[in-house]
Amino acid sequence: MPILNTKTKSVSAQNQLNKHLAEIKKEFNDVKIMCENNKCMIEKLLKKVEDVNEIKEKIDTMISYTDKPRLNICIKDLTSIKKQLAMSKSSKIMKTLNDYKSRIMAIEEAMVSEDEDEEM
């Protein structure tokens, strides 16, 4: 609504326009603040989604007991590793090394016992 301006003695609508502009500026600033808040929230949610994806990848790499073929392959691998370990322990080289180790330990014990007898 136009207002009578006493200084210029004319009708003026400037005050009303200023009020409307001030309201619009305030609303615009509120929208800017809300956009910034939403941007921060979106960034947080994206980080959480990345964390969930990392956890999902870790879970996908784990063995599931419902995944029978994969479980059977892992069991076969474990049994073959056990067999290889058992074979290496019973191999000629390991038997010879264990024999030498026991001989060295016997000699060391004999030397220690001789040193103790001499000291007494």
PDB file of N, CA and C in Angstrom:
ATOM      1  N   MET A   1       0.847  -1.162   0.000  1.00  0.00           N
ATOM      2  CA  MET A   1       0.000   0.000   0.000  1.00  0.00           C
ATOM      3  C   MET A   1       0.898   1.232   0.000  1.00  0.00           C
ATOM      4  N   PRO A   2       0.638   2.161  -0.865  1.00  0.00           N
ATOM      5  CA  PRO A   2       1.467   3.364  -0.924  1.00  0.00           C
ATOM      6  C   PRO A   2       1.322   4.212   0.326  1.00  0.00           C
ATOM      7  N   ILE A   3       2.438   4.839   0.694  1.00  0.00           N
ATOM      8  CA  ILE A   3       2.472   5.677   1.888  1.00  0.00           C
ATOM      9  C   ILE A   3       2.785   7.106   1.461  1.00  0.00           C
ATOM     10  N   LEU A   4       2.192   8.071   2.208  1.00  0.00           N
ATOM     11  CA  LEU A   4       2.428   9.482   1.928  1.00  0.00           C
ATOM     12  C   LEU A   4       3.775   9.868   2.533  1.00  0.00           C
ATOM     13  N   ASN A   5       4.685  10.337   1.683  1.00  0.00           N
ATOM     14  CA  ASN A   5       5.989  10.777   2.128  1.00  0.00           C
ATOM     15  C   ASN A   5       5.897  12.264   2.438  1.00  0.00           C
ATOM     16  N   THR A   6       6.136  12.602   3.727  1.00  0.00           N
ATOM     17  CA  THR A   6       5.959  13.998   4.142  1.00  0.00           C
ATOM     18  C   THR A   6       7.093  14.877   3.680  1.00  0.00           C
ATOM     19  N   LYS A   7       8.250  14.338   3.456  1.00  0.00           N
ATOM     20  CA  LYS A   7       9.376  15.178   3.024  1.00  0.00           C
ATOM     21  C   LYS A   7       9.205  15.620   1.578  1.00  0.00           C
ATOM     22  N   THR A   8       8.800  14.683   0.758  1.00  0.00           N
ATOM     23  CA  THR A   8       8.638  15.041  -0.649  1.00  0.00           C
ATOM     24  C   THR A   8       7.202  15.398  -1.010  1.00  0.00           C
ATOM     25  N   LYS A   9       6.306  15.228  -0.050  1.00  0.00           N
ATOM     26  CA  LYS A   9       4.890  15.518  -0.232  1.00  0.00           C
ATOM     27  C   LYS A   9       4.321  14.761  -1.426  1.00  0.00           C
ATOM     28  N   SER A  10       4.728  13.455  -1.446  1.00  0.00           N
ATOM     29  CA  SER A  10       4.192  12.607  -2.506  1.00  0.00           C
ATOM     30  C   SER A  10       3.940  11.211  -1.941  1.00  0.00           C
ATOM     31  N   VAL A  11       3.280  10.428  -2.715  1.00  0.00           N
ATOM     32  CA  VAL A  11       2.955   9.079  -2.285  1.00  0.00           C
ATOM     33  C   VAL A  11       4.160   8.182  -2.589  1.00  0.00           C
ATOM     34  N   SER A  12       4.537   7.336  -1.598  1.00  0.00           N
ATOM     35  CA  SER A  12       5.712   6.491  -1.773  1.00  0.00           C
ATOM     36  C   SER A  12       5.402   5.074  -1.298  1.00  0.00           C
ATOM     37  N   ALA A  13       5.920   4.132  -2.018  1.00  0.00           N
ATOM     38  CA  ALA A  13       5.759   2.717  -1.645  1.00  0.00           C
ATOM     39  C   ALA A  13       7.110   2.101  -1.296  1.00  0.00           C
ATOM     40  N   GLN A  14       8.094   2.909  -1.051  1.00  0.00           N
ATOM     41  CA  GLN A  14       9.455   2.430  -0.804  1.00  0.00           C
ATOM     42  C   GLN A  14       9.540   1.612   0.487  1.00  0.00           C
ATOM     43  N   ASN A  15       8.890   2.037   1.551  1.00  0.00           N
ATOM     44  CA  ASN A  15       8.971   1.308   2.826  1.00  0.00           C
ATOM     45  C   ASN A  15       8.419  -0.108   2.692  1.00  0.00           C
ATOM     46  N   GLN A  16       7.307  -0.218   1.980  1.00  0.00           N
ATOM     47  CA  GLN A  16       6.733  -1.548   1.807  1.00  0.00           C
ATOM     48  C   GLN A  16       7.659  -2.436   0.990  1.00  0.00           C
ATOM     49  N   LEU A  17       8.258  -1.885  -0.045  1.00  0.00           N
ATOM     50  CA  LEU A  17       9.209  -2.664  -0.851  1.00  0.00           C
ATOM     51  C   LEU A  17      10.407  -3.096  -0.005  1.00  0.00           C
ATOM     52  N   ASN A  18      10.903  -2.177   0.833  1.00  0.00           N
ATOM     53  CA  ASN A  18      12.042  -2.511   1.697  1.00  0.00           C
ATOM     54  C   ASN A  18      11.678  -3.643   2.662  1.00  0.00           C
ATOM     55  N   LYS A  19      10.444  -3.592   3.209  1.00  0.00           N
ATOM     56  CA  LYS A  19      10.007  -4.651   4.120  1.00  0.00           C
ATOM     57  C   LYS A  19       9.942  -5.990   3.384  1.00  0.00           C
ATOM     58  N   HIS A  20       9.371  -5.976   2.198  1.00  0.00           N
ATOM     59  CA  HIS A  20       9.270  -7.214   1.419  1.00  0.00           C
ATOM     60  C   HIS A  20      10.655  -7.740   1.038  1.00  0.00           C
ATOM     61  N   LEU A  21      11.536  -6.824   0.657  1.00  0.00           N
ATOM     62  CA  LEU A  21      12.899  -7.237   0.313  1.00  0.00           C
ATOM     63  C   LEU A  21      13.626  -7.800   1.537  1.00  0.00           C
ATOM     64  N   ALA A  22      13.412  -7.190   2.696  1.00  0.00           N
ATOM     65  CA  ALA A  22      14.049  -7.693   3.913  1.00  0.00           C
ATOM     66  C   ALA A  22      13.551  -9.099   4.244  1.00  0.00           C
ATOM     67  N   GLU A  23      12.227  -9.315   4.056  1.00  0.00           N
ATOM     68  CA  GLU A  23      11.668 -10.642   4.307  1.00  0.00           C
ATOM     69  C   GLU A  23      12.239 -11.660   3.320  1.00  0.00           C
ATOM     70  N   ILE A  24      12.344 -11.242   2.071  1.00  0.00           N
ATOM     71  CA  ILE A  24      12.872 -12.142   1.050  1.00  0.00           C
ATOM     72  C   ILE A  24      14.344 -12.466   1.333  1.00  0.00           C
ATOM     73  N   LYS A  25      15.115 -11.452   1.743  1.00  0.00           N
ATOM     74  CA  LYS A  25      16.530 -11.684   2.082  1.00  0.00           C
ATOM     75  C   LYS A  25      16.649 -12.646   3.251  1.00  0.00           C
ATOM     76  N   LYS A  26      15.783 -12.464   4.242  1.00  0.00           N
ATOM     77  CA  LYS A  26      15.809 -13.346   5.411  1.00  0.00           C
ATOM     78  C   LYS A  26      15.497 -14.779   5.000  1.00  0.00           C
ATOM     79  N   GLU A  27      14.468 -14.952   4.181  1.00  0.00           N
ATOM     80  CA  GLU A  27      14.105 -16.284   3.710  1.00  0.00           C
ATOM     81  C   GLU A  27      15.223 -16.887   2.862  1.00  0.00           C
ATOM     82  N   PHE A  28      15.836 -16.054   2.048  1.00  0.00           N
ATOM     83  CA  PHE A  28      16.945 -16.519   1.219  1.00  0.00           C
ATOM     84  C   PHE A  28      18.116 -16.984   2.086  1.00  0.00           C
ATOM     85  N   ASN A  29      18.444 -16.213   3.124  1.00  0.00           N
ATOM     86  CA  ASN A  29      19.518 -16.613   4.040  1.00  0.00           C
ATOM     87  C   ASN A  29      19.163 -17.911   4.771  1.00  0.00           C
ATOM     88  N   ASP A  30      17.884 -18.049   5.151  1.00  0.00           N
ATOM     89  CA  ASP A  30      17.445 -19.295   5.798  1.00  0.00           C
ATOM     90  C   ASP A  30      17.621 -20.477   4.851  1.00  0.00           C
ATOM     91  N   VAL A  31      17.292 -20.279   3.580  1.00  0.00           N
ATOM     92  CA  VAL A  31      17.443 -21.349   2.592  1.00  0.00           C
ATOM     93  C   VAL A  31      18.920 -21.701   2.418  1.00  0.00           C
ATOM     94  N   LYS A  32      19.796 -20.675   2.395  1.00  0.00           N
ATOM     95  CA  LYS A  32      21.233 -20.929   2.267  1.00  0.00           C
ATOM     96  C   LYS A  32      21.751 -21.748   3.445  1.00  0.00           C
ATOM     97  N   ILE A  33      21.320 -21.384   4.649  1.00  0.00           N
ATOM     98  CA  ILE A  33      21.752 -22.114   5.850  1.00  0.00           C
ATOM     99  C   ILE A  33      21.256 -23.553   5.804  1.00  0.00           C
ATOM    100  N   MET A  34      20.012 -23.731   5.386  1.00  0.00           N
ATOM    101  CA  MET A  34      19.466 -25.087   5.296  1.00  0.00           C
ATOM    102  C   MET A  34      20.219 -25.904   4.246  1.00  0.00           C
ATOM    103  N   CYS A  35      20.586 -25.283   3.144  1.00  0.00           N
ATOM    104  CA  CYS A  35      21.355 -25.993   2.113  1.00  0.00           C
ATOM    105  C   CYS A  35      22.720 -26.426   2.645  1.00  0.00           C
ATOM    106  N   GLU A  36      23.379 -25.545   3.392  1.00  0.00           N
ATOM    107  CA  GLU A  36      24.674 -25.889   3.966  1.00  0.00           C
ATOM    108  C   GLU A  36      24.540 -27.036   4.972  1.00  0.00           C
ATOM    109  N   ASN A  37      23.492 -26.973   5.805  1.00  0.00           N
ATOM    110  CA  ASN A  37      23.254 -28.057   6.762  1.00  0.00           C
ATOM    111  C   ASN A  37      22.986 -29.376   6.040  1.00  0.00           C
ATOM    112  N   ASN A  38      22.182 -29.310   4.976  1.00  0.00           N
ATOM    113  CA  ASN A  38      21.894 -30.514   4.205  1.00  0.00           C
ATOM    114  C   ASN A  38      23.149 -31.071   3.543  1.00  0.00           C
ATOM    115  N   LYS A  39      24.010 -30.178   3.074  1.00  0.00           N
ATOM    116  CA  LYS A  39      25.260 -30.617   2.453  1.00  0.00           C
ATOM    117  C   LYS A  39      26.125 -31.361   3.464  1.00  0.00           C
ATOM    118  N   CYS A  40      26.216 -30.835   4.679  1.00  0.00           N
ATOM    119  CA  CYS A  40      26.984 -31.506   5.736  1.00  0.00           C
ATOM    120  C   CYS A  40      26.374 -32.867   6.071  1.00  0.00           C
ATOM    121  N   MET A  41      25.059 -32.902   6.154  1.00  0.00           N
ATOM    122  CA  MET A  41      24.394 -34.173   6.459  1.00  0.00           C
ATOM    123  C   MET A  41      24.606 -35.189   5.345  1.00  0.00           C
ATOM    124  N   ILE A  42      24.574 -34.733   4.107  1.00  0.00           N
ATOM    125  CA  ILE A  42      24.791 -35.639   2.969  1.00  0.00           C
ATOM    126  C   ILE A  42      26.216 -36.187   3.003  1.00  0.00           C
ATOM    127  N   GLU A  43      27.194 -35.336   3.328  1.00  0.00           N
ATOM    128  CA  GLU A  43      28.581 -35.805   3.423  1.00  0.00           C
ATOM    129  C   GLU A  43      28.730 -36.858   4.514  1.00  0.00           C
ATOM    130  N   LYS A  44      28.090 -36.637   5.659  1.00  0.00           N
ATOM    131  CA  LYS A  44      28.139 -37.624   6.739  1.00  0.00           C
ATOM    132  C   LYS A  44      27.510 -38.941   6.298  1.00  0.00           C
ATOM    133  N   LEU A  45      26.369 -38.852   5.623  1.00  0.00           N
ATOM    134  CA  LEU A  45      25.697 -40.063   5.158  1.00  0.00           C
ATOM    135  C   LEU A  45      26.539 -40.803   4.123  1.00  0.00           C
ATOM    136  N   LEU A  46      27.226 -40.065   3.250  1.00  0.00           N
ATOM    137  CA  LEU A  46      28.086 -40.708   2.257  1.00  0.00           C
ATOM    138  C   LEU A  46      29.242 -41.450   2.930  1.00  0.00           C
ATOM    139  N   LYS A  47      29.794 -40.845   3.989  1.00  0.00           N
ATOM    140  CA  LYS A  47      30.861 -41.528   4.731  1.00  0.00           C
ATOM    141  C   LYS A  47      30.338 -42.808   5.371  1.00  0.00           C
ATOM    142  N   LYS A  48      29.129 -42.743   5.924  1.00  0.00           N
ATOM    143  CA  LYS A  48      28.540 -43.936   6.532  1.00  0.00           C
ATOM    144  C   LYS A  48      28.289 -45.008   5.483  1.00  0.00           C
ATOM    145  N   VAL A  49      27.848 -44.602   4.303  1.00  0.00           N
ATOM    146  CA  VAL A  49      27.611 -45.560   3.221  1.00  0.00           C
ATOM    147  C   VAL A  49      28.926 -46.227   2.814  1.00  0.00           C
ATOM    148  N   GLU A  50      30.016 -45.447   2.756  1.00  0.00           N
ATOM    149  CA  GLU A  50      31.316 -46.020   2.433  1.00  0.00           C
ATOM    150  C   GLU A  50      31.740 -47.026   3.499  1.00  0.00           C
ATOM    151  N   ASP A  51      31.513 -46.697   4.774  1.00  0.00           N
ATOM    152  CA  ASP A  51      31.846 -47.620   5.854  1.00  0.00           C
ATOM    153  C   ASP A  51      31.039 -48.910   5.726  1.00  0.00           C
ATOM    154  N   VAL A  52      29.763 -48.771   5.404  1.00  0.00           N
ATOM    155  CA  VAL A  52      28.910 -49.950   5.242  1.00  0.00           C
ATOM    156  C   VAL A  52      29.399 -50.798   4.063  1.00  0.00           C
ATOM    157  N   ASN A  53      29.819 -50.137   2.991  1.00  0.00           N
ATOM    158  CA  ASN A  53      30.327 -50.879   1.833  1.00  0.00           C
ATOM    159  C   ASN A  53      31.611 -51.626   2.183  1.00  0.00           C
ATOM    160  N   GLU A  54      32.495 -51.001   2.974  1.00  0.00           N
ATOM    161  CA  GLU A  54      33.722 -51.677   3.396  1.00  0.00           C
ATOM    162  C   GLU A  54      33.390 -52.902   4.238  1.00  0.00           C
ATOM    163  N   ILE A  55      32.459 -52.747   5.161  1.00  0.00           N
ATOM    164  CA  ILE A  55      32.062 -53.873   6.009  1.00  0.00           C
ATOM    165  C   ILE A  55      31.438 -54.972   5.149  1.00  0.00           C
ATOM    166  N   LYS A  56      30.635 -54.584   4.179  1.00  0.00           N
ATOM    167  CA  LYS A  56      29.999 -55.569   3.307  1.00  0.00           C
ATOM    168  C   LYS A  56      31.054 -56.338   2.515  1.00  0.00           C
ATOM    169  N   GLU A  57      32.072 -55.640   2.024  1.00  0.00           N
ATOM    170  CA  GLU A  57      33.139 -56.313   1.286  1.00  0.00           C
ATOM    171  C   GLU A  57      33.872 -57.308   2.181  1.00  0.00           C
ATOM    172  N   LYS A  58      34.139 -56.916   3.435  1.00  0.00           N
ATOM    173  CA  LYS A  58      34.804 -57.822   4.360  1.00  0.00           C
ATOM    174  C   LYS A  58      33.948 -59.054   4.622  1.00  0.00           C
ATOM    175  N   ILE A  59      32.666 -58.835   4.806  1.00  0.00           N
ATOM    176  CA  ILE A  59      31.762 -59.960   5.061  1.00  0.00           C
ATOM    177  C   ILE A  59      31.675 -60.861   3.833  1.00  0.00           C
ATOM    178  N   ASP A  60      31.670 -60.267   2.646  1.00  0.00           N
ATOM    179  CA  ASP A  60      31.596 -61.069   1.423  1.00  0.00           C
ATOM    180  C   ASP A  60      32.835 -61.944   1.241  1.00  0.00           C
ATOM    181  N   THR A  61      33.982 -61.486   1.761  1.00  0.00           N
ATOM    182  CA  THR A  61      35.196 -62.289   1.604  1.00  0.00           C
ATOM    183  C   THR A  61      35.274 -63.404   2.631  1.00  0.00           C
ATOM    184  N   MET A  62      34.482 -63.324   3.693  1.00  0.00           N
ATOM    185  CA  MET A  62      34.505 -64.374   4.703  1.00  0.00           C
ATOM    186  C   MET A  62      33.758 -65.604   4.202  1.00  0.00           C
ATOM    187  N   ILE A  63      34.089 -66.730   4.821  1.00  0.00           N
ATOM    188  CA  ILE A  63      33.453 -67.986   4.429  1.00  0.00           C
ATOM    189  C   ILE A  63      32.084 -68.070   5.088  1.00  0.00           C
ATOM    190  N   SER A  64      31.118 -68.429   4.315  1.00  0.00           N
ATOM    191  CA  SER A  64      29.776 -68.640   4.840  1.00  0.00           C
ATOM    192  C   SER A  64      29.527 -70.133   4.900  1.00  0.00           C
ATOM    193  N   TYR A  65      28.967 -70.589   6.012  1.00  0.00           N
ATOM    194  CA  TYR A  65      28.684 -72.010   6.144  1.00  0.00           C
ATOM    195  C   TYR A  65      27.554 -72.452   5.220  1.00  0.00           C
ATOM    196  N   THR A  66      26.810 -71.507   4.706  1.00  0.00           N
ATOM    197  CA  THR A  66      25.766 -71.865   3.759  1.00  0.00           C
ATOM    198  C   THR A  66      26.325 -72.014   2.351  1.00  0.00           C
ATOM    199  N   ASP A  67      27.540 -71.547   2.134  1.00  0.00           N
ATOM    200  CA  ASP A  67      28.179 -71.654   0.823  1.00  0.00           C
ATOM    201  C   ASP A  67      28.980 -72.956   0.794  1.00  0.00           C
ATOM    202  N   LYS A  68      28.318 -74.074   0.511  1.00  0.00           N
ATOM    203  CA  LYS A  68      28.918 -75.408   0.599  1.00  0.00           C
ATOM    204  C   LYS A  68      30.119 -75.609  -0.330  1.00  0.00           C
ATOM    205  N   PRO A  69      30.046 -75.242  -1.602  1.00  0.00           N
ATOM    206  CA  PRO A  69      31.206 -75.491  -2.470  1.00  0.00           C
ATOM    207  C   PRO A  69      32.469 -74.763  -2.001  1.00  0.00           C
ATOM    208  N   ARG A  70      32.299 -73.533  -1.604  1.00  0.00           N
ATOM    209  CA  ARG A  70      33.453 -72.765  -1.138  1.00  0.00           C
ATOM    210  C   ARG A  70      33.991 -73.351   0.164  1.00  0.00           C
ATOM    211  N   LEU A  71      33.102 -73.769   1.046  1.00  0.00           N
ATOM    212  CA  LEU A  71      33.508 -74.381   2.301  1.00  0.00           C
ATOM    213  C   LEU A  71      34.264 -75.683   2.043  1.00  0.00           C
ATOM    214  N   ASN A  72      33.789 -76.482   1.098  1.00  0.00           N
ATOM    215  CA  ASN A  72      34.463 -77.739   0.774  1.00  0.00           C
ATOM    216  C   ASN A  72      35.861 -77.495   0.205  1.00  0.00           C
ATOM    217  N   ILE A  73      36.003 -76.469  -0.617  1.00  0.00           N
ATOM    218  CA  ILE A  73      37.319 -76.138  -1.176  1.00  0.00           C
ATOM    219  C   ILE A  73      38.279 -75.745  -0.052  1.00  0.00           C
ATOM    220  N   CYS A  74      37.800 -74.944   0.899  1.00  0.00           N
ATOM    221  CA  CYS A  74      38.651 -74.524   2.020  1.00  0.00           C
ATOM    222  C   CYS A  74      39.049 -75.728   2.880  1.00  0.00           C
ATOM    223  N   ILE A  75      38.120 -76.654   3.098  1.00  0.00           N
ATOM    224  CA  ILE A  75      38.435 -77.848   3.890  1.00  0.00           C
ATOM    225  C   ILE A  75      39.482 -78.686   3.176  1.00  0.00           C
ATOM    226  N   LYS A  76      39.356 -78.833   1.859  1.00  0.00           N
ATOM    227  CA  LYS A  76      40.354 -79.590   1.092  1.00  0.00           C
ATOM    228  C   LYS A  76      41.727 -78.938   1.184  1.00  0.00           C
ATOM    229  N   ASP A  77      41.762 -77.608   1.083  1.00  0.00           N
ATOM    230  CA  ASP A  77      43.039 -76.892   1.204  1.00  0.00           C
ATOM    231  C   ASP A  77      43.659 -77.127   2.575  1.00  0.00           C
ATOM    232  N   LEU A  78      42.849 -77.063   3.616  1.00  0.00           N
ATOM    233  CA  LEU A  78      43.377 -77.273   4.968  1.00  0.00           C
ATOM    234  C   LEU A  78      43.904 -78.693   5.151  1.00  0.00           C
ATOM    235  N   THR A  79      43.201 -79.677   4.628  1.00  0.00           N
ATOM    236  CA  THR A  79      43.681 -81.052   4.779  1.00  0.00           C
ATOM    237  C   THR A  79      44.964 -81.275   3.997  1.00  0.00           C
ATOM    238  N   SER A  80      45.083 -80.650   2.818  1.00  0.00           N
ATOM    239  CA  SER A  80      46.329 -80.798   2.055  1.00  0.00           C
ATOM    240  C   SER A  80      47.497 -80.133   2.788  1.00  0.00           C
ATOM    241  N   ILE A  81      47.241 -78.999   3.436  1.00  0.00           N
ATOM    242  CA  ILE A  81      48.303 -78.342   4.213  1.00  0.00           C
ATOM    243  C   ILE A  81      48.712 -79.221   5.384  1.00  0.00           C
ATOM    244  N   LYS A  82      47.742 -79.830   6.060  1.00  0.00           N
ATOM    245  CA  LYS A  82      48.060 -80.729   7.175  1.00  0.00           C
ATOM    246  C   LYS A  82      48.891 -81.918   6.697  1.00  0.00           C
ATOM    247  N   LYS A  83      48.533 -82.475   5.552  1.00  0.00           N
ATOM    248  CA  LYS A  83      49.281 -83.610   5.002  1.00  0.00           C
ATOM    249  C   LYS A  83      50.718 -83.201   4.680  1.00  0.00           C
ATOM    250  N   GLN A  84      50.872 -82.015   4.088  1.00  0.00           N
ATOM    251  CA  GLN A  84      52.216 -81.548   3.750  1.00  0.00           C
ATOM    252  C   GLN A  84      53.053 -81.355   5.001  1.00  0.00           C
ATOM    253  N   LEU A  85      52.452 -80.827   6.052  1.00  0.00           N
ATOM    254  CA  LEU A  85      53.188 -80.658   7.308  1.00  0.00           C
ATOM    255  C   LEU A  85      53.572 -82.005   7.899  1.00  0.00           C
ATOM    256  N   ALA A  86      52.658 -82.944   7.864  1.00  0.00           N
ATOM    257  CA  ALA A  86      52.950 -84.268   8.397  1.00  0.00           C
ATOM    258  C   ALA A  86      54.038 -84.941   7.577  1.00  0.00           C
ATOM    259  N   MET A  87      53.996 -84.782   6.262  1.00  0.00           N
ATOM    260  CA  MET A  87      55.023 -85.384   5.412  1.00  0.00           C
ATOM    261  C   MET A  87      56.375 -84.740   5.647  1.00  0.00           C
ATOM    262  N   SER A  88      56.397 -83.456   5.863  1.00  0.00           N
ATOM    263  CA  SER A  88      57.690 -82.796   6.081  1.00  0.00           C
ATOM    264  C   SER A  88      58.288 -83.218   7.419  1.00  0.00           C
ATOM    265  N   LYS A  89      57.449 -83.485   8.412  1.00  0.00           N
ATOM    266  CA  LYS A  89      57.962 -83.936   9.704  1.00  0.00           C
ATOM    267  C   LYS A  89      58.501 -85.359   9.622  1.00  0.00           C
ATOM    268  N   SER A  90      57.893 -86.186   8.776  1.00  0.00           N
ATOM    269  CA  SER A  90      58.330 -87.582   8.678  1.00  0.00           C
ATOM    270  C   SER A  90      59.321 -87.808   7.539  1.00  0.00           C
ATOM    271  N   SER A  91      59.743 -86.749   6.857  1.00  0.00           N
ATOM    272  CA  SER A  91      60.678 -86.918   5.743  1.00  0.00           C
ATOM    273  C   SER A  91      62.078 -87.243   6.264  1.00  0.00           C
ATOM    274  N   LYS A  92      62.920 -87.785   5.381  1.00  0.00           N
ATOM    275  CA  LYS A  92      64.280 -88.181   5.758  1.00  0.00           C
ATOM    276  C   LYS A  92      65.093 -86.978   6.236  1.00  0.00           C
ATOM    277  N   ILE A  93      64.919 -85.866   5.574  1.00  0.00           N
ATOM    278  CA  ILE A  93      65.680 -84.668   5.944  1.00  0.00           C
ATOM    279  C   ILE A  93      65.316 -84.231   7.356  1.00  0.00           C
ATOM    280  N   MET A  94      64.009 -84.183   7.650  1.00  0.00           N
ATOM    281  CA  MET A  94      63.589 -83.756   8.989  1.00  0.00           C
ATOM    282  C   MET A  94      64.034 -84.758  10.049  1.00  0.00           C
ATOM    283  N   LYS A  95      63.976 -86.062   9.719  1.00  0.00           N
ATOM    284  CA  LYS A  95      64.430 -87.075  10.675  1.00  0.00           C
ATOM    285  C   LYS A  95      65.915 -86.909  10.956  1.00  0.00           C
ATOM    286  N   THR A  96      66.682 -86.649   9.899  1.00  0.00           N
ATOM    287  CA  THR A  96      68.121 -86.464  10.065  1.00  0.00           C
ATOM    288  C   THR A  96      68.408 -85.211  10.881  1.00  0.00           C
ATOM    289  N   LEU A  97      67.695 -84.126  10.577  1.00  0.00           N
ATOM    290  CA  LEU A  97      67.899 -82.891  11.338  1.00  0.00           C
ATOM    291  C   LEU A  97      67.541 -83.084  12.811  1.00  0.00           C
ATOM    292  N   ASN A  98      66.453 -83.764  13.078  1.00  0.00           N
ATOM    293  CA  ASN A  98      66.067 -84.020  14.468  1.00  0.00           C
ATOM    294  C   ASN A  98      67.092 -84.905  15.168  1.00  0.00           C
ATOM    295  N   ASP A  99      67.657 -85.871  14.427  1.00  0.00           N
ATOM    296  CA  ASP A  99      68.700 -86.735  14.995  1.00  0.00           C
ATOM    297  C   ASP A  99      69.932 -85.910  15.351  1.00  0.00           C
ATOM    298  N   TYR A 100      70.357 -85.036  14.427  1.00  0.00           N
ATOM    299  CA  TYR A 100      71.519 -84.177  14.698  1.00  0.00           C
ATOM    300  C   TYR A 100      71.244 -83.235  15.871  1.00  0.00           C
ATOM    301  N   LYS A 101      70.037 -82.709  15.899  1.00  0.00           N
ATOM    302  CA  LYS A 101      69.667 -81.812  16.998  1.00  0.00           C
ATOM    303  C   LYS A 101      69.746 -82.537  18.336  1.00  0.00           C
ATOM    304  N   SER A 102      69.240 -83.752  18.389  1.00  0.00           N
ATOM    305  CA  SER A 102      69.293 -84.501  19.661  1.00  0.00           C
ATOM    306  C   SER A 102      70.738 -84.835  20.034  1.00  0.00           C
ATOM    307  N   ARG A 103      71.586 -85.152  19.052  1.00  0.00           N
ATOM    308  CA  ARG A 103      73.001 -85.428  19.331  1.00  0.00           C
ATOM    309  C   ARG A 103      73.698 -84.185  19.891  1.00  0.00           C
ATOM    310  N   ILE A 104      73.431 -83.028  19.257  1.00  0.00           N
ATOM    311  CA  ILE A 104      74.060 -81.775  19.723  1.00  0.00           C
ATOM    312  C   ILE A 104      73.610 -81.461  21.140  1.00  0.00           C
ATOM    313  N   MET A 105      72.339 -81.648  21.404  1.00  0.00           N
ATOM    314  CA  MET A 105      71.839 -81.383  22.762  1.00  0.00           C
ATOM    315  C   MET A 105      72.475 -82.332  23.771  1.00  0.00           C
ATOM    316  N   ALA A 106      72.672 -83.598  23.386  1.00  0.00           N
ATOM    317  CA  ALA A 106      73.313 -84.565  24.291  1.00  0.00           C
ATOM    318  C   ALA A 106      74.757 -84.168  24.566  1.00  0.00           C
ATOM    319  N   ILE A 107      75.471 -83.712  23.528  1.00  0.00           N
ATOM    320  CA  ILE A 107      76.860 -83.290  23.712  1.00  0.00           C
ATOM    321  C   ILE A 107      76.920 -82.063  24.614  1.00  0.00           C
ATOM    322  N   GLU A 108      76.023 -81.084  24.393  1.00  0.00           N
ATOM    323  CA  GLU A 108      76.009 -79.890  25.238  1.00  0.00           C
ATOM    324  C   GLU A 108      75.720 -80.245  26.686  1.00  0.00           C
ATOM    325  N   GLU A 109      74.782 -81.157  26.909  1.00  0.00           N
ATOM    326  CA  GLU A 109      74.472 -81.571  28.280  1.00  0.00           C
ATOM    327  C   GLU A 109      75.670 -82.271  28.921  1.00  0.00           C
ATOM    328  N   ALA A 110      76.358 -83.083  28.109  1.00  0.00           N
ATOM    329  CA  ALA A 110      77.539 -83.772  28.632  1.00  0.00           C
ATOM    330  C   ALA A 110      78.626 -82.769  28.999  1.00  0.00           C
ATOM    331  N   MET A 111      78.814 -81.741  28.180  1.00  0.00           N
ATOM    332  CA  MET A 111      79.839 -80.724  28.462  1.00  0.00           C
ATOM    333  C   MET A 111      79.472 -79.943  29.724  1.00  0.00           C
ATOM    334  N   VAL A 112      78.210 -79.621  29.880  1.00  0.00           N
ATOM    335  CA  VAL A 112      77.774 -78.877  31.051  1.00  0.00           C
ATOM    336  C   VAL A 112      77.966 -79.721  32.308  1.00  0.00           C
ATOM    337  N   SER A 113      77.631 -80.996  32.225  1.00  0.00           N
ATOM    338  CA  SER A 113      77.780 -81.855  33.391  1.00  0.00           C
ATOM    339  C   SER A 113      79.269 -82.056  33.729  1.00  0.00           C
ATOM    340  N   GLU A 114      80.162 -82.107  32.736  1.00  0.00           N
ATOM    341  CA  GLU A 114      81.596 -82.226  32.994  1.00  0.00           C
ATOM    342  C   GLU A 114      82.106 -80.970  33.686  1.00  0.00           C
ATOM    343  N   ASP A 115      81.630 -79.787  33.226  1.00  0.00           N
ATOM    344  CA  ASP A 115      82.059 -78.525  33.843  1.00  0.00           C
ATOM    345  C   ASP A 115      81.599 -78.480  35.301  1.00  0.00           C
ATOM    346  N   GLU A 116      80.449 -78.968  35.575  1.00  0.00           N
ATOM    347  CA  GLU A 116      79.934 -78.950  36.937  1.00  0.00           C
ATOM    348  C   GLU A 116      80.724 -79.927  37.828  1.00  0.00           C
ATOM    349  N   ASP A 117      81.118 -81.085  37.276  1.00  0.00           N
ATOM    350  CA  ASP A 117      81.907 -82.071  38.038  1.00  0.00           C
ATOM    351  C   ASP A 117      83.288 -81.501  38.346  1.00  0.00           C
ATOM    352  N   GLU A 118      83.877 -80.766  37.404  1.00  0.00           N
ATOM    353  CA  GLU A 118      85.202 -80.204  37.627  1.00  0.00           C
ATOM    354  C   GLU A 118      85.173 -79.113  38.692  1.00  0.00           C
ATOM    355  N   GLU A 119      84.114 -78.342  38.730  1.00  0.00           N
ATOM    356  CA  GLU A 119      84.004 -77.269  39.703  1.00  0.00           C
ATOM    357  C   GLU A 119      83.857 -77.821  41.106  1.00  0.00           C
ATOM    358  N   MET A 120      83.278 -78.972  41.282  1.00  0.00           N
ATOM    359  CA  MET A 120      83.072 -79.534  42.606  1.00  0.00           C
ATOM    360  C   MET A 120      84.314 -80.168  43.049  1.00  0.00           C
TER     361      MET A 120
END
